[in-house]
């Protein structure tokens, strides 16, 4: 089993920054990727960014490219999402999830952390 716990959310003003953390524990042998997702009120959950086991990164949303940075600290088993120049439309619950090798979808979701950006 793999467990993920998100932290770092909060209430900020537009233009400010936040860094989210995703602490991963358990059996990490079979992890293909760790992805940050978000779900805004009345909207579907969407993938924001991911980092592969080999360290390659990708950003799924044009709106965050250039503002958000995904990274990881292997010594701490933690994946980060640095969010800069935040906008009100970034307001959402942010979730971390694991994609296992051979799996069709992300599983082992965390409970999420709320990010609220005021204008």
C-alpha atoms as a PDB file:
ATOM      1  CA  UNK A   1       0.000   0.000   0.000  1.00  0.00           C
ATOM      2  CA  UNK A   2       1.031   3.555  -0.705  1.00  0.00           C
ATOM      3  CA  UNK A   3      -0.153   6.536   1.294  1.00  0.00           C
ATOM      4  CA  UNK A   4      -0.077  10.188   0.345  1.00  0.00           C
ATOM      5  CA  UNK A   5      -0.725  13.188   2.548  1.00  0.00           C
ATOM      6  CA  UNK A   6      -1.030  16.695   1.143  1.00  0.00           C
ATOM      7  CA  UNK A   7      -0.257  19.881   3.038  1.00  0.00           C
ATOM      8  CA  UNK A   8       0.546  23.507   2.438  1.00  0.00           C
ATOM      9  CA  UNK A   9      -2.756  24.922   1.283  1.00  0.00           C
ATOM     10  CA  UNK A  10      -4.190  28.145   2.586  1.00  0.00           C
ATOM     11  CA  UNK A  11      -5.739  31.509   1.830  1.00  0.00           C
ATOM     12  CA  UNK A  12      -3.609  33.935  -0.158  1.00  0.00           C
ATOM     13  CA  UNK A  13      -4.110  37.024  -2.249  1.00  0.00           C
ATOM     14  CA  UNK A  14      -3.779  37.079  -5.995  1.00  0.00           C
ATOM     15  CA  UNK A  15      -0.152  37.316  -7.054  1.00  0.00           C
ATOM     16  CA  UNK A  16       1.189  35.514  -4.021  1.00  0.00           C
ATOM     17  CA  UNK A  17       2.768  32.050  -3.846  1.00  0.00           C
ATOM     18  CA  UNK A  18       2.195  28.778  -2.052  1.00  0.00           C
ATOM     19  CA  UNK A  19       4.112  25.532  -1.944  1.00  0.00           C
ATOM     20  CA  UNK A  20       2.136  22.334  -1.596  1.00  0.00           C
ATOM     21  CA  UNK A  21       3.715  19.167  -0.285  1.00  0.00           C
ATOM     22  CA  UNK A  22       2.778  15.553  -0.958  1.00  0.00           C
ATOM     23  CA  UNK A  23       4.364  13.136   1.492  1.00  0.00           C
ATOM     24  CA  UNK A  24       4.509   9.606   0.097  1.00  0.00           C
ATOM     25  CA  UNK A  25       4.935   6.553   2.285  1.00  0.00           C
ATOM     26  CA  UNK A  26       4.534   2.809   2.084  1.00  0.00           C
ATOM     27  CA  UNK A  27       5.501   0.580  -0.823  1.00  0.00           C
ATOM     28  CA  UNK A  28       6.921   2.975  -3.376  1.00  0.00           C
ATOM     29  CA  UNK A  29       8.555   0.350  -5.552  1.00  0.00           C
ATOM     30  CA  UNK A  30       5.891   0.347  -8.232  1.00  0.00           C
ATOM     31  CA  UNK A  31       5.245   4.071  -8.631  1.00  0.00           C
ATOM     32  CA  UNK A  32       5.288   5.323 -12.204  1.00  0.00           C
ATOM     33  CA  UNK A  33       4.296   8.905 -11.495  1.00  0.00           C
ATOM     34  CA  UNK A  34       2.976  11.266  -8.862  1.00  0.00           C
ATOM     35  CA  UNK A  35       0.414  13.751 -10.023  1.00  0.00           C
ATOM     36  CA  UNK A  36      -1.070  16.907  -8.585  1.00  0.00           C
ATOM     37  CA  UNK A  37      -4.739  17.359  -9.427  1.00  0.00           C
ATOM     38  CA  UNK A  38      -7.272  19.988  -8.458  1.00  0.00           C
ATOM     39  CA  UNK A  39     -11.002  20.305  -8.200  1.00  0.00           C
ATOM     40  CA  UNK A  40     -12.722  23.646  -8.127  1.00  0.00           C
ATOM     41  CA  UNK A  41     -16.301  24.031  -6.880  1.00  0.00           C
ATOM     42  CA  UNK A  42     -18.833  22.616  -9.346  1.00  0.00           C
ATOM     43  CA  UNK A  43     -16.061  21.500 -11.694  1.00  0.00           C
ATOM     44  CA  UNK A  44     -14.482  18.171 -12.505  1.00  0.00           C
ATOM     45  CA  UNK A  45     -11.169  17.209 -11.043  1.00  0.00           C
ATOM     46  CA  UNK A  46      -8.293  17.887 -13.425  1.00  0.00           C
ATOM     47  CA  UNK A  47      -4.658  16.952 -13.627  1.00  0.00           C
ATOM     48  CA  UNK A  48      -2.361  19.901 -13.010  1.00  0.00           C
ATOM     49  CA  UNK A  49       1.152  18.489 -13.166  1.00  0.00           C
ATOM     50  CA  UNK A  50       2.995  15.219 -12.825  1.00  0.00           C
ATOM     51  CA  UNK A  51       6.465  13.942 -12.163  1.00  0.00           C
ATOM     52  CA  UNK A  52       7.601  10.577 -13.460  1.00  0.00           C
ATOM     53  CA  UNK A  53       9.773   8.056 -11.669  1.00  0.00           C
ATOM     54  CA  UNK A  54      12.717   9.156 -13.819  1.00  0.00           C
ATOM     55  CA  UNK A  55      12.217  12.765 -12.753  1.00  0.00           C
ATOM     56  CA  UNK A  56      10.675  14.063 -15.944  1.00  0.00           C
ATOM     57  CA  UNK A  57       7.882  16.553 -15.393  1.00  0.00           C
ATOM     58  CA  UNK A  58       4.812  17.609 -17.277  1.00  0.00           C
ATOM     59  CA  UNK A  59       2.119  20.252 -16.966  1.00  0.00           C
ATOM     60  CA  UNK A  60      -1.371  19.434 -18.122  1.00  0.00           C
ATOM     61  CA  UNK A  61      -2.849  22.918 -17.982  1.00  0.00           C
ATOM     62  CA  UNK A  62      -1.753  25.830 -20.133  1.00  0.00           C
ATOM     63  CA  UNK A  63      -2.969  28.157 -17.392  1.00  0.00           C
ATOM     64  CA  UNK A  64      -0.328  26.952 -14.918  1.00  0.00           C
ATOM     65  CA  UNK A  65       2.599  26.471 -17.260  1.00  0.00           C
ATOM     66  CA  UNK A  66       5.269  29.000 -16.341  1.00  0.00           C
ATOM     67  CA  UNK A  67       3.710  29.668 -12.941  1.00  0.00           C
ATOM     68  CA  UNK A  68       3.675  26.250 -11.246  1.00  0.00           C
ATOM     69  CA  UNK A  69       6.668  24.008 -10.726  1.00  0.00           C
ATOM     70  CA  UNK A  70       6.516  20.357  -9.687  1.00  0.00           C
ATOM     71  CA  UNK A  71       9.552  18.832  -8.020  1.00  0.00           C
ATOM     72  CA  UNK A  72      10.487  16.157  -5.547  1.00  0.00           C
ATOM     73  CA  UNK A  73      12.898  15.464  -2.733  1.00  0.00           C
ATOM     74  CA  UNK A  74      13.732  11.768  -2.810  1.00  0.00           C
ATOM     75  CA  UNK A  75      15.374  11.901   0.609  1.00  0.00           C
ATOM     76  CA  UNK A  76      12.088  13.100   2.075  1.00  0.00           C
ATOM     77  CA  UNK A  77       9.800  11.059  -0.208  1.00  0.00           C
ATOM     78  CA  UNK A  78       7.965  14.276  -0.916  1.00  0.00           C
ATOM     79  CA  UNK A  79       6.653  15.840  -4.094  1.00  0.00           C
ATOM     80  CA  UNK A  80       6.130  19.591  -4.169  1.00  0.00           C
ATOM     81  CA  UNK A  81       4.001  21.925  -6.212  1.00  0.00           C
ATOM     82  CA  UNK A  82       5.351  25.450  -6.125  1.00  0.00           C
ATOM     83  CA  UNK A  83       2.567  27.784  -7.195  1.00  0.00           C
ATOM     84  CA  UNK A  84       3.560  31.327  -8.129  1.00  0.00           C
ATOM     85  CA  UNK A  85       1.557  34.351  -9.236  1.00  0.00           C
ATOM     86  CA  UNK A  86      -1.614  32.720  -8.026  1.00  0.00           C
ATOM     87  CA  UNK A  87      -4.924  33.751  -9.516  1.00  0.00           C
ATOM     88  CA  UNK A  88      -8.477  33.492  -8.149  1.00  0.00           C
ATOM     89  CA  UNK A  89      -9.180  30.805 -10.761  1.00  0.00           C
ATOM     90  CA  UNK A  90      -6.539  28.619  -9.092  1.00  0.00           C
ATOM     91  CA  UNK A  91      -8.882  28.269  -6.122  1.00  0.00           C
ATOM     92  CA  UNK A  92      -9.552  24.557  -5.637  1.00  0.00           C
ATOM     93  CA  UNK A  93      -8.875  21.544  -3.503  1.00  0.00           C
ATOM     94  CA  UNK A  94      -5.519  20.172  -4.599  1.00  0.00           C
ATOM     95  CA  UNK A  95      -4.956  16.437  -4.489  1.00  0.00           C
ATOM     96  CA  UNK A  96      -1.902  14.282  -4.845  1.00  0.00           C
ATOM     97  CA  UNK A  97      -2.231  10.823  -6.362  1.00  0.00           C
ATOM     98  CA  UNK A  98      -0.100   7.902  -7.389  1.00  0.00           C
ATOM     99  CA  UNK A  99       0.024   6.267 -10.797  1.00  0.00           C
ATOM    100  CA  UNK A 100       1.379   2.752 -10.478  1.00  0.00           C
ATOM    101  CA  UNK A 101       3.184   0.975 -13.281  1.00  0.00           C
ATOM    102  CA  UNK A 102       0.687  -0.826 -15.455  1.00  0.00           C
ATOM    103  CA  UNK A 103      -2.302   0.944 -13.934  1.00  0.00           C
ATOM    104  CA  UNK A 104      -4.891   2.625 -16.115  1.00  0.00           C
ATOM    105  CA  UNK A 105      -5.541   5.507 -13.759  1.00  0.00           C
ATOM    106  CA  UNK A 106      -4.257   7.309 -10.713  1.00  0.00           C
ATOM    107  CA  UNK A 107      -5.118   5.715  -7.400  1.00  0.00           C
ATOM    108  CA  UNK A 108      -4.001   6.113  -3.779  1.00  0.00           C
ATOM    109  CA  UNK A 109      -5.379   9.615  -3.491  1.00  0.00           C
ATOM    110  CA  UNK A 110      -4.782  11.910  -0.580  1.00  0.00           C
ATOM    111  CA  UNK A 111      -7.530  13.863   1.152  1.00  0.00           C
ATOM    112  CA  UNK A 112      -6.536  17.098  -0.493  1.00  0.00           C
ATOM    113  CA  UNK A 113      -5.554  20.548   0.659  1.00  0.00           C
ATOM    114  CA  UNK A 114      -7.624  23.667   0.076  1.00  0.00           C
ATOM    115  CA  UNK A 115      -6.118  26.567  -1.826  1.00  0.00           C
ATOM    116  CA  UNK A 116      -8.095  29.793  -1.878  1.00  0.00           C
ATOM    117  CA  UNK A 117      -6.912  32.820  -3.813  1.00  0.00           C
ATOM    118  CA  UNK A 118      -8.674  36.092  -3.150  1.00  0.00           C
ATOM    119  CA  UNK A 119      -8.772  38.908  -5.672  1.00  0.00           C
END
